[in-house]
PDB file of N, CA and C in Angstrom:
ATOM      1  N   MET A   1     -48.561  19.084  25.359  1.00  0.00           N
ATOM      2  CA  MET A   1     -48.401  18.735  24.371  1.00  0.00           C
ATOM      3  C   MET A   1     -47.337  20.074  24.284  1.00  0.00           C
ATOM      4  N   GLN A   2     -46.556  20.943  24.536  1.00  0.00           N
ATOM      5  CA  GLN A   2     -45.509  21.512  23.815  1.00  0.00           C
ATOM      6  C   GLN A   2     -44.130  20.525  24.681  1.00  0.00           C
ATOM      7  N   LEU A   3     -44.082  19.921  25.399  1.00  0.00           N
ATOM      8  CA  LEU A   3     -43.740  18.421  25.470  1.00  0.00           C
ATOM      9  C   LEU A   3     -42.963  18.153  25.054  1.00  0.00           C
ATOM     10  N   ASP A   4     -44.483  17.148  24.291  1.00  0.00           N
ATOM     11  CA  ASP A   4     -44.051  16.344  23.475  1.00  0.00           C
ATOM     12  C   ASP A   4     -43.335  16.798  21.863  1.00  0.00           C
ATOM     13  N   THR A   5     -43.605  18.088  22.231  1.00  0.00           N
ATOM     14  CA  THR A   5     -43.197  18.699  20.840  1.00  0.00           C
ATOM     15  C   THR A   5     -41.346  18.566  21.642  1.00  0.00           C
ATOM     16  N   ILE A   6     -41.059  19.104  22.133  1.00  0.00           N
ATOM     17  CA  ILE A   6     -39.770  19.451  22.691  1.00  0.00           C
ATOM     18  C   ILE A   6     -39.385  18.449  23.898  1.00  0.00           C
ATOM     19  N   ASN A   7     -39.732  17.388  23.455  1.00  0.00           N
ATOM     20  CA  ASN A   7     -39.101  15.435  23.830  1.00  0.00           C
ATOM     21  C   ASN A   7     -38.939  15.391  22.175  1.00  0.00           C
ATOM     22  N   ASN A   8     -39.940  15.587  21.234  1.00  0.00           N
ATOM     23  CA  ASN A   8     -39.854  14.726  20.091  1.00  0.00           C
ATOM     24  C   ASN A   8     -38.916  15.518  19.416  1.00  0.00           C
ATOM     25  N   ILE A   9     -38.453  16.957  19.585  1.00  0.00           N
ATOM     26  CA  ILE A   9     -37.501  17.349  18.819  1.00  0.00           C
ATOM     27  C   ILE A   9     -36.323  17.052  19.302  1.00  0.00           C
ATOM     28  N   LEU A  10     -35.747  16.487  20.703  1.00  0.00           N
ATOM     29  CA  LEU A  10     -34.631  16.150  21.338  1.00  0.00           C
ATOM     30  C   LEU A  10     -34.244  15.443  20.901  1.00  0.00           C
ATOM     31  N   VAL A  11     -35.319  14.091  20.670  1.00  0.00           N
ATOM     32  CA  VAL A  11     -34.850  12.924  20.249  1.00  0.00           C
ATOM     33  C   VAL A  11     -34.567  12.532  18.777  1.00  0.00           C
ATOM     34  N   TRP A  12     -35.406  14.043  18.245  1.00  0.00           N
ATOM     35  CA  TRP A  12     -34.908  13.785  16.520  1.00  0.00           C
ATOM     36  C   TRP A  12     -33.690  14.567  16.440  1.00  0.00           C
ATOM     37  N   ASP A  13     -33.170  15.169  17.333  1.00  0.00           N
ATOM     38  CA  ASP A  13     -31.611  15.689  17.591  1.00  0.00           C
ATOM     39  C   ASP A  13     -30.534  14.584  17.931  1.00  0.00           C
ATOM     40  N   LYS A  14     -31.036  13.543  18.750  1.00  0.00           N
ATOM     41  CA  LYS A  14     -30.338  13.485  18.751  1.00  0.00           C
ATOM     42  C   LYS A  14     -29.801  11.872  17.763  1.00  0.00           C
ATOM     43  N   LYS A  15     -31.070  11.625  17.105  1.00  0.00           N
ATOM     44  CA  LYS A  15     -30.722  10.519  15.834  1.00  0.00           C
ATOM     45  C   LYS A  15     -29.674  11.401  15.299  1.00  0.00           C
ATOM     46  N   LYS A  16     -30.306  12.809  15.076  1.00  0.00           N
ATOM     47  CA  LYS A  16     -29.767  13.265  13.300  1.00  0.00           C
ATOM     48  C   LYS A  16     -27.491  13.400  14.013  1.00  0.00           C
ATOM     49  N   THR A  17     -27.466  13.790  15.644  1.00  0.00           N
ATOM     50  CA  THR A  17     -26.584  13.873  16.351  1.00  0.00           C
ATOM     51  C   THR A  17     -26.228  11.953  15.532  1.00  0.00           C
ATOM     52  N   GLU A  18     -26.238  11.590  15.321  1.00  0.00           N
ATOM     53  CA  GLU A  18     -25.292   9.587  15.909  1.00  0.00           C
ATOM     54  C   GLU A  18     -25.247   9.854  14.642  1.00  0.00           C
ATOM     55  N   ARG A  19     -26.549   9.697  13.648  1.00  0.00           N
ATOM     56  CA  ARG A  19     -26.599   9.991  12.124  1.00  0.00           C
ATOM     57  C   ARG A  19     -24.901  10.045  11.584  1.00  0.00           C
ATOM     58  N   LYS A  20     -24.722  11.887  12.735  1.00  0.00           N
ATOM     59  CA  LYS A  20     -23.952  12.266  11.801  1.00  0.00           C
ATOM     60  C   LYS A  20     -22.343  11.737  12.409  1.00  0.00           C
ATOM     61  N   ARG A  21     -22.133  10.761  13.598  1.00  0.00           N
ATOM     62  CA  ARG A  21     -21.570  10.530  14.316  1.00  0.00           C
ATOM     63  C   ARG A  21     -20.936   9.166  13.217  1.00  0.00           C
ATOM     64  N   GLU A  22     -21.676   9.000  13.267  1.00  0.00           N
ATOM     65  CA  GLU A  22     -21.409   7.118  12.131  1.00  0.00           C
ATOM     66  C   GLU A  22     -21.405   7.507  10.760  1.00  0.00           C
ATOM     67  N   THR A  23     -22.032   8.790   9.924  1.00  0.00           N
ATOM     68  CA  THR A  23     -20.753   8.839   9.237  1.00  0.00           C
ATOM     69  C   THR A  23     -19.580   9.249   8.971  1.00  0.00           C
ATOM     70  N   GLU A  24     -18.897   9.829  10.172  1.00  0.00           N
ATOM     71  CA  GLU A  24     -17.702  10.677  10.011  1.00  0.00           C
ATOM     72  C   GLU A  24     -17.074   9.446  10.465  1.00  0.00           C
ATOM     73  N   ARG A  25     -17.623   8.142  11.635  1.00  0.00           N
ATOM     74  CA  ARG A  25     -16.668   7.115  11.880  1.00  0.00           C
ATOM     75  C   ARG A  25     -17.041   5.912  10.811  1.00  0.00           C
ATOM     76  N   GLU A  26     -17.751   5.665  10.136  1.00  0.00           N
ATOM     77  CA  GLU A  26     -17.142   5.520   8.102  1.00  0.00           C
ATOM     78  C   GLU A  26     -16.953   5.741   7.386  1.00  0.00           C
ATOM     79  N   THR A  27     -16.214   7.705   7.276  1.00  0.00           N
ATOM     80  CA  THR A  27     -15.321   8.205   6.201  1.00  0.00           C
ATOM     81  C   THR A  27     -14.658   7.726   6.906  1.00  0.00           C
ATOM     82  N   GLU A  28     -14.141   7.405   8.419  1.00  0.00           N
ATOM     83  CA  GLU A  28     -12.531   7.713   8.942  1.00  0.00           C
ATOM     84  C   GLU A  28     -12.300   6.058   8.466  1.00  0.00           C
ATOM     85  N   ARG A  29     -13.467   5.128   8.846  1.00  0.00           N
ATOM     86  CA  ARG A  29     -12.905   3.700   8.274  1.00  0.00           C
ATOM     87  C   ARG A  29     -12.821   3.794   6.576  1.00  0.00           C
ATOM     88  N   LYS A  30     -12.977   3.965   6.418  1.00  0.00           N
ATOM     89  CA  LYS A  30     -13.137   4.150   4.839  1.00  0.00           C
ATOM     90  C   LYS A  30     -11.580   4.489   4.289  1.00  0.00           C
ATOM     91  N   ARG A  31     -11.603   6.152   4.986  1.00  0.00           N
ATOM     92  CA  ARG A  31      -9.828   6.325   5.095  1.00  0.00           C
ATOM     93  C   ARG A  31      -8.841   5.450   5.236  1.00  0.00           C
ATOM     94  N   GLU A  32      -9.582   4.965   7.531  1.00  0.00           N
ATOM     95  CA  GLU A  32      -7.996   4.171   6.752  1.00  0.00           C
ATOM     96  C   GLU A  32      -7.475   2.446   6.077  1.00  0.00           C
ATOM     97  N   ARG A  33      -9.345   2.365   5.617  1.00  0.00           N
ATOM     98  CA  ARG A  33      -8.627   1.069   4.106  1.00  0.00           C
ATOM     99  C   ARG A  33      -8.380   1.789   2.822  1.00  0.00           C
ATOM    100  N   GLU A  34      -7.888   3.011   2.728  1.00  0.00           N
ATOM    101  CA  GLU A  34      -7.248   3.113   1.580  1.00  0.00           C
ATOM    102  C   GLU A  34      -5.919   3.473   2.281  1.00  0.00           C
ATOM    103  N   ARG A  35      -5.848   3.660   2.641  1.00  0.00           N
ATOM    104  CA  ARG A  35      -4.186   4.472   3.184  1.00  0.00           C
ATOM    105  C   ARG A  35      -3.628   3.071   3.765  1.00  0.00           C
ATOM    106  N   GLU A  36      -4.386   1.949   4.608  1.00  0.00           N
ATOM    107  CA  GLU A  36      -4.280   0.365   4.121  1.00  0.00           C
ATOM    108  C   GLU A  36      -3.124   0.068   2.924  1.00  0.00           C
ATOM    109  N   ARG A  37      -4.819  -0.043   1.756  1.00  0.00           N
ATOM    110  CA  ARG A  37      -4.315  -0.312   0.856  1.00  0.00           C
ATOM    111  C   ARG A  37      -3.049   0.135  -0.059  1.00  0.00           C
ATOM    112  N   GLU A  38      -3.025   1.324   0.253  1.00  0.00           N
ATOM    113  CA  GLU A  38      -1.707   2.445  -0.260  1.00  0.00           C
ATOM    114  C   GLU A  38      -0.627   2.088   0.271  1.00  0.00           C
ATOM    115  N   ARG A  39      -0.553   1.414   2.009  1.00  0.00           N
ATOM    116  CA  ARG A  39       0.651   0.846   2.528  1.00  0.00           C
ATOM    117  C   ARG A  39       0.966  -0.720   1.825  1.00  0.00           C
ATOM    118  N   GLU A  40       0.560  -1.417   1.135  1.00  0.00           N
ATOM    119  CA  GLU A  40       0.208  -2.418   0.851  1.00  0.00           C
ATOM    120  C   GLU A  40       1.032  -2.211  -1.097  1.00  0.00           C
ATOM    121  N   ARG A  41       0.456  -1.402  -1.034  1.00  0.00           N
ATOM    122  CA  ARG A  41       0.895  -1.256  -2.538  1.00  0.00           C
ATOM    123  C   ARG A  41       2.262  -0.515  -2.354  1.00  0.00           C
ATOM    124  N   GLU A  42       2.553  -0.028  -1.502  1.00  0.00           N
ATOM    125  CA  GLU A  42       3.769   0.409  -1.753  1.00  0.00           C
ATOM    126  C   GLU A  42       4.767  -0.404  -1.750  1.00  0.00           C
ATOM    127  N   ARG A  43       4.175  -1.705   0.132  1.00  0.00           N
ATOM    128  CA  ARG A  43       5.162  -2.884   0.174  1.00  0.00           C
ATOM    129  C   ARG A  43       5.455  -3.414  -0.756  1.00  0.00           C
ATOM    130  N   GLU A  44       4.543  -3.824  -2.054  1.00  0.00           N
ATOM    131  CA  GLU A  44       5.297  -4.718  -3.489  1.00  0.00           C
ATOM    132  C   GLU A  44       5.301  -3.829  -4.063  1.00  0.00           C
ATOM    133  N   ARG A  45       5.352  -2.576  -4.230  1.00  0.00           N
ATOM    134  CA  ARG A  45       6.244  -2.092  -5.123  1.00  0.00           C
ATOM    135  C   ARG A  45       7.701  -1.917  -4.829  1.00  0.00           C
ATOM    136  N   GLU A  46       8.229  -2.279  -3.551  1.00  0.00           N
ATOM    137  CA  GLU A  46       9.493  -2.504  -2.834  1.00  0.00           C
ATOM    138  C   GLU A  46       9.750  -3.320  -2.995  1.00  0.00           C
ATOM    139  N   ARG A  47       8.729  -4.259  -2.667  1.00  0.00           N
ATOM    140  CA  ARG A  47       9.051  -5.767  -2.593  1.00  0.00           C
ATOM    141  C   ARG A  47       9.618  -6.026  -4.921  1.00  0.00           C
ATOM    142  N   GLU A  48       8.888  -5.872  -5.646  1.00  0.00           N
ATOM    143  CA  GLU A  48       8.946  -5.667  -6.649  1.00  0.00           C
ATOM    144  C   GLU A  48      10.211  -4.845  -7.253  1.00  0.00           C
ATOM    145  N   ARG A  49      11.373  -3.514  -6.508  1.00  0.00           N
ATOM    146  CA  ARG A  49      12.114  -3.193  -7.099  1.00  0.00           C
ATOM    147  C   ARG A  49      13.058  -3.909  -6.687  1.00  0.00           C
ATOM    148  N   GLU A  50      12.701  -5.017  -5.846  1.00  0.00           N
ATOM    149  CA  GLU A  50      13.918  -5.461  -4.479  1.00  0.00           C
ATOM    150  C   GLU A  50      13.910  -6.782  -5.380  1.00  0.00           C
ATOM    151  N   ARG A  51      13.036  -7.300  -5.934  1.00  0.00           N
ATOM    152  CA  ARG A  51      13.123  -7.959  -6.910  1.00  0.00           C
ATOM    153  C   ARG A  51      13.755  -8.137  -8.363  1.00  0.00           C
ATOM    154  N   GLU A  52      13.824  -6.676  -9.126  1.00  0.00           N
ATOM    155  CA  GLU A  52      14.215  -6.164  -9.968  1.00  0.00           C
ATOM    156  C   GLU A  52      16.062  -6.103 -10.088  1.00  0.00           C
ATOM    157  N   ARG A  53      16.306  -5.982  -8.452  1.00  0.00           N
ATOM    158  CA  ARG A  53      17.839  -5.259  -8.168  1.00  0.00           C
ATOM    159  C   ARG A  53      18.509  -6.791  -8.185  1.00  0.00           C
ATOM    160  N   GLU A  54      17.436  -7.864  -7.300  1.00  0.00           N
ATOM    161  CA  GLU A  54      18.076  -9.065  -7.448  1.00  0.00           C
ATOM    162  C   GLU A  54      17.876  -9.754  -9.202  1.00  0.00           C
ATOM    163  N   ARG A  55      17.589  -9.220 -10.202  1.00  0.00           N
ATOM    164  CA  ARG A  55      17.719  -9.920 -11.436  1.00  0.00           C
ATOM    165  C   ARG A  55      18.623  -8.702 -11.994  1.00  0.00           C
ATOM    166  N   GLU A  56      18.881  -7.982 -11.883  1.00  0.00           N
ATOM    167  CA  GLU A  56      19.753  -7.142 -12.470  1.00  0.00           C
ATOM    168  C   GLU A  56      21.338  -7.238 -11.612  1.00  0.00           C
ATOM    169  N   MET A  57      21.364  -8.252 -10.141  1.00  0.00           N
ATOM    170  CA  MET A  57      22.532  -8.337  -9.145  1.00  0.00           C
ATOM    171  C   MET A  57      23.081  -9.701 -10.252  1.00  0.00           C
ATOM    172  N   GLU A  58      22.003 -10.891 -10.487  1.00  0.00           N
ATOM    173  CA  GLU A  58      22.499 -12.072 -11.305  1.00  0.00           C
ATOM    174  C   GLU A  58      22.549 -12.290 -13.062  1.00  0.00           C
ATOM    175  N   ARG A  59      22.039 -10.648 -13.448  1.00  0.00           N
ATOM    176  CA  ARG A  59      22.871 -10.854 -14.724  1.00  0.00           C
ATOM    177  C   ARG A  59      23.997 -10.036 -14.973  1.00  0.00           C
ATOM    178  N   GLU A  60      24.667  -9.077 -14.280  1.00  0.00           N
ATOM    179  CA  GLU A  60      25.863  -8.796 -13.684  1.00  0.00           C
ATOM    180  C   GLU A  60      26.294  -9.959 -13.534  1.00  0.00           C
ATOM    181  N   ARG A  61      26.347 -10.768 -12.823  1.00  0.00           N
ATOM    182  CA  ARG A  61      27.118 -12.080 -12.160  1.00  0.00           C
ATOM    183  C   ARG A  61      27.206 -12.689 -13.127  1.00  0.00           C
ATOM    184  N   GLU A  62      25.943 -12.853 -14.572  1.00  0.00           N
ATOM    185  CA  GLU A  62      25.905 -13.826 -15.634  1.00  0.00           C
ATOM    186  C   GLU A  62      26.957 -12.676 -16.704  1.00  0.00           C
ATOM    187  N   ARG A  63      27.270 -11.614 -16.653  1.00  0.00           N
ATOM    188  CA  ARG A  63      28.183 -10.677 -17.344  1.00  0.00           C
ATOM    189  C   ARG A  63      29.272 -10.996 -17.272  1.00  0.00           C
ATOM    190  N   GLN A  64      29.398 -11.150 -16.261  1.00  0.00           N
ATOM    191  CA  GLN A  64      31.220 -11.047 -15.318  1.00  0.00           C
ATOM    192  C   GLN A  64      32.004 -12.698 -15.714  1.00  0.00           C
ATOM    193  N   ARG A  65      30.973 -13.802 -15.295  1.00  0.00           N
ATOM    194  CA  ARG A  65      31.277 -15.095 -15.734  1.00  0.00           C
ATOM    195  C   ARG A  65      31.687 -15.019 -17.625  1.00  0.00           C
ATOM    196  N   ASP A  66      30.563 -14.457 -17.920  1.00  0.00           N
ATOM    197  CA  ASP A  66      31.149 -14.339 -19.726  1.00  0.00           C
ATOM    198  C   ASP A  66      32.155 -13.702 -19.455  1.00  0.00           C
ATOM    199  N   ARG A  67      32.234 -12.746 -19.222  1.00  0.00           N
ATOM    200  CA  ARG A  67      34.115 -12.067 -19.453  1.00  0.00           C
ATOM    201  C   ARG A  67      35.284 -12.668 -18.759  1.00  0.00           C
ATOM    202  N   GLU A  68      34.779 -13.429 -17.920  1.00  0.00           N
ATOM    203  CA  GLU A  68      35.586 -14.147 -17.077  1.00  0.00           C
ATOM    204  C   GLU A  68      36.123 -15.270 -18.289  1.00  0.00           C
ATOM    205  N   THR A  69      35.250 -15.938 -19.064  1.00  0.00           N
ATOM    206  CA  THR A  69      35.059 -17.304 -19.597  1.00  0.00           C
ATOM    207  C   THR A  69      35.820 -16.758 -20.556  1.00  0.00           C
ATOM    208  N   GLU A  70      35.460 -15.731 -21.159  1.00  0.00           N
ATOM    209  CA  GLU A  70      36.021 -14.603 -22.679  1.00  0.00           C
ATOM    210  C   GLU A  70      37.645 -14.887 -22.752  1.00  0.00           C
ATOM    211  N   ARG A  71      38.102 -15.041 -20.837  1.00  0.00           N
ATOM    212  CA  ARG A  71      39.420 -14.443 -20.372  1.00  0.00           C
ATOM    213  C   ARG A  71      39.982 -15.408 -21.062  1.00  0.00           C
ATOM    214  N   GLN A  72      39.321 -16.266 -20.109  1.00  0.00           N
ATOM    215  CA  GLN A  72      39.888 -17.503 -20.548  1.00  0.00           C
ATOM    216  C   GLN A  72      40.475 -18.221 -22.206  1.00  0.00           C
ATOM    217  N   ARG A  73      39.290 -18.405 -22.253  1.00  0.00           N
ATOM    218  CA  ARG A  73      39.549 -18.596 -23.526  1.00  0.00           C
ATOM    219  C   ARG A  73      41.040 -17.726 -24.585  1.00  0.00           C
ATOM    220  N   ASP A  74      41.076 -16.353 -24.315  1.00  0.00           N
ATOM    221  CA  ASP A  74      41.910 -15.993 -24.471  1.00  0.00           C
ATOM    222  C   ASP A  74      43.087 -16.855 -24.042  1.00  0.00           C
ATOM    223  N   ARG A  75      43.479 -17.047 -23.081  1.00  0.00           N
ATOM    224  CA  ARG A  75      44.319 -17.156 -22.995  1.00  0.00           C
ATOM    225  C   ARG A  75      45.106 -18.545 -22.696  1.00  0.00           C
ATOM    226  N   GLU A  76      43.957 -19.485 -23.553  1.00  0.00           N
ATOM    227  CA  GLU A  76      44.106 -21.072 -23.703  1.00  0.00           C
ATOM    228  C   GLU A  76      44.377 -20.934 -25.853  1.00  0.00           C
ATOM    229  N   THR A  77      43.979 -19.392 -26.036  1.00  0.00           N
ATOM    230  CA  THR A  77      45.016 -19.432 -27.108  1.00  0.00           C
ATOM    231  C   THR A  77      46.063 -19.046 -27.599  1.00  0.00           C
ATOM    232  N   GLU A  78      46.511 -18.043 -27.087  1.00  0.00           N
ATOM    233  CA  GLU A  78      47.626 -17.769 -26.827  1.00  0.00           C
ATOM    234  C   GLU A  78      48.832 -18.525 -26.366  1.00  0.00           C
TER     235      GLU A  78
END
C-alpha cells in the first residue's frame, strides 16, 4: 500500500514537473515570437524612414531644378 502511494506521488510529481517545463517552454516561445514581431516592426520603421529620406531627397532635387529653371529665366530676361 505504501509503495503504491509513494509511486503515485512520484508519478504525480513527474507530471507536475513536466507541465511546469512545458509552461516555461511555451512562455519562452511566446517571448521569442514577440521579439521577432518587434524586430519586424523595427525593420518596417527603418524602411519607412528610408522611404521618407528618399522622398525628401527627391523634393530637394525638385527644388534645385526649380531654382535652376528660375535662374535660367532670369538670365534670359536680362
